Amino acid sequence: MPVHLNFDKRNEDIQIYINGKFHKRDEAKISVFDSGFLLGDGIWEGIRLYKNKWLFLDDHLNRLIEGCKAIDINFELSKDDIKKAIFETQKKNNMSDSAHARVMITRGDKLKPFQQPSLSINGINFIIIMEHSDEHPNVDGVSLVTVPQVRGLPMSQDPKLNSHSKLNCVLACIQANKAGGDEALMLDPYGFVNTTNSCNFFIVKNNEVWTSTGDYCMNGITRMKVIELCKSNNIKVFEKNFSLVDVYSAHESFITGTLGSLTQVISIDGRSIGSNNEWPITKILRAEYKKLLDV
């Protein structure tokens, strides 16, 4: 999700959780031998605090734990242990609304700066960065640029993993920014439209909502909730393959993410999307999503 670059001064004094202890922002440090730093060897989740509630927390933590199991990070923390640490960090920072947390688990410090996982012998590193972060939906919408960087095949690096290794997406973001876009629109290995570098992507055609099959993108929690909202509101929704030809003639388009919720896309590759900037389906889904948050 495109971010605002202005630093929130409230975050100067945040306390960061590292392996059960709290540290001031400028004093929070991990070893240069940390597996996440050396190799991108770790799993993370981004969660949002809204009206003193961590949104869809169980969904996020289930995905975090599943990701750790997928890459064989062995740790003894339960979901309740992780929740306790999140709540302690929230209390330590006196936060009740409009906050974002990055929850990270790496394979831990290594004896040598080599790939071999068995060199990480001292257990995981468990870190929570919690910041004041108001939702910043771009009321004017965002512009996307299709980039040459594609989403990978599962046998190379499964894009469903929320791993610390995000270079593929970083490169896509750089390519889009240099071409004047806010985010990159990425294709899958077969040329079908897939996702942006940080968000899930949707189009609306003839009052139907389309998104990718989900085979080559992070299956976002917000994405899942929007698909469910479509079904419960009798809006036809399809997870399917589609091409840029379909995208350029879309009546609406939007992206979804934990912090930005639903943000309309106003242009893709210099082509305006939608007519009269009305985005009727997007507005319905945004309103329904807001109701979901307030439950």
Protein backbone atom coordinates (compact mmCIF):
# COMPACT_ATOMS: atom_id res chain seq x y z
CA MET A 1 0.00 0.00 0.00
CA PRO A 2 1.45 3.44 -0.88
CA VAL A 3 2.66 5.04 2.34
CA HIS A 4 2.92 8.61 3.56
CA LEU A 5 6.55 9.54 4.02
CA ASN A 6 5.99 12.08 6.79
CA PHE A 7 7.28 10.70 10.09
CA ASP A 8 4.74 10.62 12.92
CA LYS A 9 6.50 12.24 15.89
CA ARG A 10 4.44 10.11 18.27
CA ASN A 11 6.59 7.20 17.15
CA GLU A 12 9.82 8.74 18.44
CA ASP A 13 9.21 7.26 21.89
CA ILE A 14 7.77 3.84 21.03
CA GLN A 15 8.94 0.74 22.87
CA ILE A 16 9.93 -2.21 20.68
CA TYR A 17 9.54 -5.80 21.83
CA ILE A 18 12.54 -8.09 21.31
CA ASN A 19 12.47 -11.58 22.79
CA GLY A 20 10.45 -10.64 25.86
CA LYS A 21 12.12 -7.30 26.62
CA PHE A 22 11.33 -3.72 25.62
CA HIS A 23 13.72 -1.24 24.07
CA LYS A 24 13.48 2.40 23.04
CA ARG A 25 13.25 2.93 19.29
CA ASP A 26 16.85 4.13 18.90
CA GLU A 27 18.17 1.39 21.16
CA ALA A 28 16.28 -1.57 19.66
CA LYS A 29 18.87 -3.79 17.99
CA ILE A 30 19.41 -7.33 16.79
CA SER A 31 22.63 -9.09 15.89
CA VAL A 32 24.15 -8.77 12.43
CA PHE A 33 24.15 -12.58 12.55
CA ASP A 34 20.34 -12.68 12.70
CA SER A 35 18.96 -15.03 10.03
CA GLY A 36 16.39 -12.48 8.87
CA PHE A 37 19.07 -9.82 8.39
CA LEU A 38 21.58 -12.15 6.72
CA LEU A 39 19.25 -14.13 4.47
CA GLY A 40 15.67 -12.89 4.72
CA ASP A 41 15.03 -16.09 6.68
CA GLY A 42 11.90 -15.30 8.65
CA ILE A 43 8.13 -14.81 8.59
CA TRP A 44 6.14 -11.69 9.49
CA GLU A 45 2.61 -10.33 9.76
CA GLY A 46 1.26 -6.79 9.73
CA ILE A 47 -1.74 -6.18 11.98
CA ARG A 48 -3.93 -3.14 12.56
CA LEU A 49 -5.36 -1.77 15.81
CA TYR A 50 -8.81 -0.26 15.39
CA LYS A 51 -10.93 0.94 18.31
CA ASN A 52 -8.85 -1.10 20.77
CA LYS A 53 -9.22 -4.27 18.68
CA TRP A 54 -6.57 -6.00 16.63
CA LEU A 55 -8.41 -6.70 13.41
CA PHE A 56 -8.74 -10.35 12.38
CA LEU A 57 -5.96 -11.24 14.81
CA ASP A 58 -6.53 -15.01 14.77
CA ASP A 59 -6.45 -15.05 10.96
CA HIS A 60 -3.13 -13.20 10.94
CA LEU A 61 -1.52 -15.33 13.65
CA ASN A 62 -2.70 -18.56 12.05
CA ARG A 63 -0.96 -17.46 8.86
CA LEU A 64 2.17 -16.49 10.81
CA ILE A 65 2.36 -19.89 12.50
CA GLU A 66 1.63 -21.73 9.24
CA GLY A 67 4.40 -19.76 7.52
CA CYS A 68 6.91 -20.69 10.22
CA LYS A 69 5.94 -24.35 9.88
CA ALA A 70 6.27 -24.13 6.10
CA ILE A 71 9.90 -23.00 6.30
CA ASP A 72 10.66 -25.28 9.27
CA ILE A 73 11.24 -22.61 11.91
CA ASN A 74 10.87 -24.55 15.13
CA PHE A 75 9.65 -22.56 18.10
CA GLU A 76 7.63 -23.26 21.21
CA LEU A 77 5.45 -20.15 21.18
CA SER A 78 1.72 -20.75 21.09
CA LYS A 79 -0.78 -18.41 19.50
CA ASP A 80 -1.71 -17.27 23.00
CA ASP A 81 1.96 -16.51 23.74
CA ILE A 82 2.14 -14.30 20.66
CA LYS A 83 -1.11 -12.56 21.57
CA LYS A 84 0.19 -11.89 25.10
CA ALA A 85 3.31 -10.25 23.68
CA ILE A 86 1.20 -8.11 21.33
CA PHE A 87 -1.08 -6.97 24.17
CA GLU A 88 1.93 -6.24 26.41
CA THR A 89 3.50 -4.14 23.65
CA GLN A 90 0.21 -2.31 23.12
CA LYS A 91 -0.03 -1.54 26.84
CA LYS A 92 3.62 -0.48 27.03
CA ASN A 93 3.01 2.02 24.23
CA ASN A 94 -0.37 3.15 25.60
CA MET A 95 -2.17 2.52 22.30
CA SER A 96 -5.90 2.00 21.87
CA ASP A 97 -6.59 2.97 18.25
CA SER A 98 -4.95 3.78 14.91
CA ALA A 99 -1.83 1.68 15.31
CA HIS A 100 0.02 -0.86 13.21
CA ALA A 101 2.26 -3.69 14.38
CA ARG A 102 4.85 -5.69 12.49
CA VAL A 103 5.18 -9.10 14.15
CA MET A 104 8.37 -10.88 13.08
CA ILE A 105 9.88 -14.29 13.74
CA THR A 106 13.29 -15.21 12.33
CA ARG A 107 15.29 -18.41 12.61
CA GLY A 108 17.57 -16.59 15.07
CA ASP A 109 21.26 -15.75 15.30
CA LYS A 110 23.71 -17.87 13.31
CA LEU A 111 27.16 -19.09 14.28
CA LYS A 112 28.46 -18.15 10.81
CA PRO A 113 27.00 -15.99 8.03
CA PHE A 114 26.09 -19.01 5.89
CA GLN A 115 22.80 -20.43 4.62
CA GLN A 116 22.78 -23.71 6.55
CA PRO A 117 19.74 -23.55 8.90
CA SER A 118 21.48 -25.76 11.47
CA LEU A 119 23.87 -22.85 12.15
CA SER A 120 21.00 -21.08 13.94
CA ILE A 121 21.37 -22.82 17.29
CA ASN A 122 20.13 -20.35 19.89
CA GLY A 123 16.43 -20.22 19.05
CA ILE A 124 14.26 -17.72 17.24
CA ASN A 125 14.21 -13.94 17.37
CA PHE A 126 10.69 -12.65 18.08
CA ILE A 127 10.19 -8.93 17.44
CA ILE A 128 7.19 -6.59 17.50
CA ILE A 129 7.41 -3.06 16.10
CA MET A 130 4.26 -1.18 17.04
CA GLU A 131 3.65 2.33 15.73
CA HIS A 132 0.95 4.96 15.71
CA SER A 133 -0.41 4.75 12.18
CA ASP A 134 -3.63 6.40 11.09
CA GLU A 135 -5.41 4.92 8.11
CA HIS A 136 -4.51 7.03 5.09
CA PRO A 137 -6.84 6.08 2.26
CA ASN A 138 -5.91 8.08 -0.81
CA VAL A 139 -9.23 9.73 -1.63
CA ASP A 140 -7.92 10.59 -5.09
CA GLY A 141 -6.95 6.98 -5.74
CA VAL A 142 -3.68 5.43 -6.82
CA SER A 143 -1.96 4.90 -10.16
CA LEU A 144 -0.46 1.55 -11.10
CA VAL A 145 2.21 0.66 -13.63
CA THR A 146 2.66 -2.85 -15.01
CA VAL A 147 6.26 -3.94 -14.45
CA PRO A 148 8.51 -6.67 -15.91
CA GLN A 149 9.11 -8.17 -12.45
CA VAL A 150 6.73 -11.12 -12.08
CA ARG A 151 5.46 -13.18 -9.17
CA GLY A 152 7.43 -16.39 -8.75
CA LEU A 153 6.51 -20.03 -9.05
CA PRO A 154 5.91 -21.97 -5.83
CA MET A 155 8.96 -24.16 -6.45
CA SER A 156 11.27 -21.12 -6.45
CA GLN A 157 9.80 -19.02 -3.65
CA ASP A 158 6.12 -19.46 -2.93
CA PRO A 159 4.54 -15.99 -3.11
CA LYS A 160 1.97 -17.05 -0.52
CA LEU A 161 4.73 -16.93 2.11
CA ASN A 162 4.97 -13.64 4.00
CA SER A 163 8.72 -14.05 4.30
CA HIS A 164 11.35 -11.47 5.14
CA SER A 165 12.76 -11.94 1.67
CA LYS A 166 10.79 -9.31 -0.28
CA LEU A 167 13.39 -8.30 -2.87
CA ASN A 168 11.14 -9.40 -5.75
CA CYS A 169 8.45 -6.97 -4.59
CA VAL A 170 10.97 -4.24 -3.76
CA LEU A 171 12.33 -4.39 -7.31
CA ALA A 172 8.79 -4.22 -8.69
CA CYS A 173 8.09 -1.15 -6.55
CA ILE A 174 11.28 0.52 -7.81
CA GLN A 175 10.29 -0.18 -11.41
CA ALA A 176 6.84 1.32 -10.88
CA ASN A 177 8.12 4.38 -9.02
CA LYS A 178 10.67 5.14 -11.73
CA ALA A 179 7.84 4.99 -14.27
CA GLY A 180 5.74 7.42 -12.22
CA GLY A 181 3.38 4.92 -10.54
CA ASP A 182 2.37 4.60 -6.91
CA GLU A 183 2.50 0.80 -6.98
CA ALA A 184 3.53 -1.95 -9.36
CA LEU A 185 0.99 -4.17 -11.07
CA MET A 186 2.64 -7.59 -11.28
CA LEU A 187 1.80 -10.46 -13.61
CA ASP A 188 2.07 -14.16 -12.81
CA PRO A 189 4.60 -16.41 -14.62
CA TYR A 190 2.06 -17.01 -17.41
CA GLY A 191 1.26 -13.37 -18.10
CA PHE A 192 -2.04 -13.14 -16.22
CA VAL A 193 -2.69 -10.17 -13.97
CA ASN A 194 -1.87 -11.06 -10.40
CA THR A 195 -1.23 -8.50 -7.65
CA THR A 196 0.58 -5.29 -6.80
CA ASN A 197 3.92 -5.26 -5.05
CA SER A 198 2.25 -4.89 -1.63
CA CYS A 199 -1.53 -5.26 -2.08
CA ASN A 200 -4.11 -7.53 -3.65
CA PHE A 201 -5.71 -6.35 -6.88
CA PHE A 202 -9.33 -6.35 -8.04
CA ILE A 203 -11.26 -5.10 -11.06
CA VAL A 204 -14.98 -4.63 -11.65
CA LYS A 205 -16.50 -5.48 -15.03
CA ASN A 206 -20.25 -5.47 -15.73
CA ASN A 207 -20.95 -5.39 -11.97
CA GLU A 208 -18.79 -8.46 -11.40
CA VAL A 209 -15.72 -8.37 -9.16
CA TRP A 210 -12.65 -10.19 -10.47
CA THR A 211 -9.41 -11.00 -8.69
CA SER A 212 -6.61 -13.43 -9.48
CA THR A 213 -6.77 -17.15 -8.75
CA GLY A 214 -4.59 -16.54 -5.70
CA ASP A 215 -2.03 -19.07 -6.90
CA TYR A 216 0.80 -16.55 -7.21
CA CYS A 217 0.05 -13.88 -4.64
CA MET A 218 -0.14 -13.37 -0.93
CA ASN A 219 -3.66 -14.45 -0.03
CA GLY A 220 -4.38 -11.33 2.00
CA ILE A 221 -6.73 -11.29 4.96
CA THR A 222 -8.45 -8.16 3.61
CA ARG A 223 -8.69 -9.86 0.20
CA MET A 224 -10.45 -12.81 1.82
CA LYS A 225 -12.85 -10.53 3.72
CA VAL A 226 -13.75 -8.60 0.55
CA ILE A 227 -14.49 -11.83 -1.34
CA GLU A 228 -16.75 -12.90 1.54
CA LEU A 229 -18.47 -9.49 1.53
CA CYS A 230 -19.16 -9.80 -2.18
CA LYS A 231 -20.83 -13.15 -1.64
CA SER A 232 -22.91 -11.94 1.33
CA ASN A 233 -24.05 -8.86 -0.61
CA ASN A 234 -25.01 -10.75 -3.79
CA ILE A 235 -22.16 -9.23 -5.78
CA LYS A 236 -20.77 -11.75 -8.24
CA VAL A 237 -17.10 -12.39 -7.50
CA PHE A 238 -14.63 -14.57 -9.42
CA GLU A 239 -11.11 -15.74 -8.62
CA LYS A 240 -9.86 -16.31 -12.15
CA ASN A 241 -7.17 -15.71 -14.74
CA PHE A 242 -7.52 -12.48 -16.68
CA SER A 243 -5.21 -10.33 -18.77
CA LEU A 244 -4.30 -6.69 -19.19
CA VAL A 245 -6.83 -6.52 -22.02
CA ASP A 246 -9.53 -7.13 -19.40
CA VAL A 247 -7.96 -4.67 -16.97
CA TYR A 248 -7.77 -1.74 -19.38
CA SER A 249 -11.51 -1.97 -20.08
CA ALA A 250 -12.50 -2.39 -16.42
CA HIS A 251 -15.26 -0.19 -15.04
CA GLU A 252 -13.54 0.01 -11.63
CA SER A 253 -10.43 -1.23 -9.93
CA PHE A 254 -9.25 -1.26 -6.32
CA ILE A 255 -6.49 -2.66 -4.14
CA THR A 256 -6.78 -4.13 -0.66
CA GLY A 257 -4.44 -4.21 2.32
CA THR A 258 -4.42 -4.36 6.10
CA LEU A 259 -3.81 -0.66 6.70
CA GLY A 260 -5.39 0.91 3.63
CA SER A 261 -8.52 -1.29 3.46
CA LEU A 262 -9.94 -0.65 -0.05
CA THR A 263 -8.34 2.02 -2.22
CA GLN A 264 -9.60 2.79 -5.71
CA VAL A 265 -7.25 2.65 -8.69
CA ILE A 266 -7.62 5.62 -11.00
CA SER A 267 -5.19 4.66 -13.73
CA ILE A 268 -3.15 1.72 -14.96
CA ASP A 269 -0.30 2.21 -17.44
CA GLY A 270 -1.58 5.73 -18.15
CA ARG A 271 -5.11 4.55 -18.94
CA SER A 272 -7.94 5.96 -16.85
CA ILE A 273 -10.04 3.33 -15.09
CA GLY A 274 -13.78 3.87 -14.62
CA SER A 275 -16.10 6.63 -15.68
CA ASN A 276 -16.79 9.89 -13.85
CA ASN A 277 -14.74 8.66 -10.88
CA GLU A 278 -17.81 7.12 -9.27
CA TRP A 279 -16.58 3.59 -8.36
CA PRO A 280 -20.04 2.42 -7.17
CA ILE A 281 -19.10 -1.20 -6.37
CA THR A 282 -15.91 -0.10 -4.64
CA LYS A 283 -17.88 2.32 -2.46
CA ILE A 284 -20.39 -0.38 -1.51
CA LEU A 285 -17.63 -2.78 -0.52
CA ARG A 286 -15.74 -0.09 1.39
CA ALA A 287 -18.89 0.73 3.37
CA GLU A 288 -19.55 -2.95 4.09
CA TYR A 289 -15.95 -3.47 5.15
CA LYS A 290 -16.24 -0.53 7.55
CA LYS A 291 -19.33 -2.19 9.08
CA LEU A 292 -17.31 -5.39 9.47
CA LEU A 293 -14.64 -3.51 11.42
CA ASP A 294 -17.22 -1.99 13.73
CA VAL A 295 -18.83 -5.31 14.68
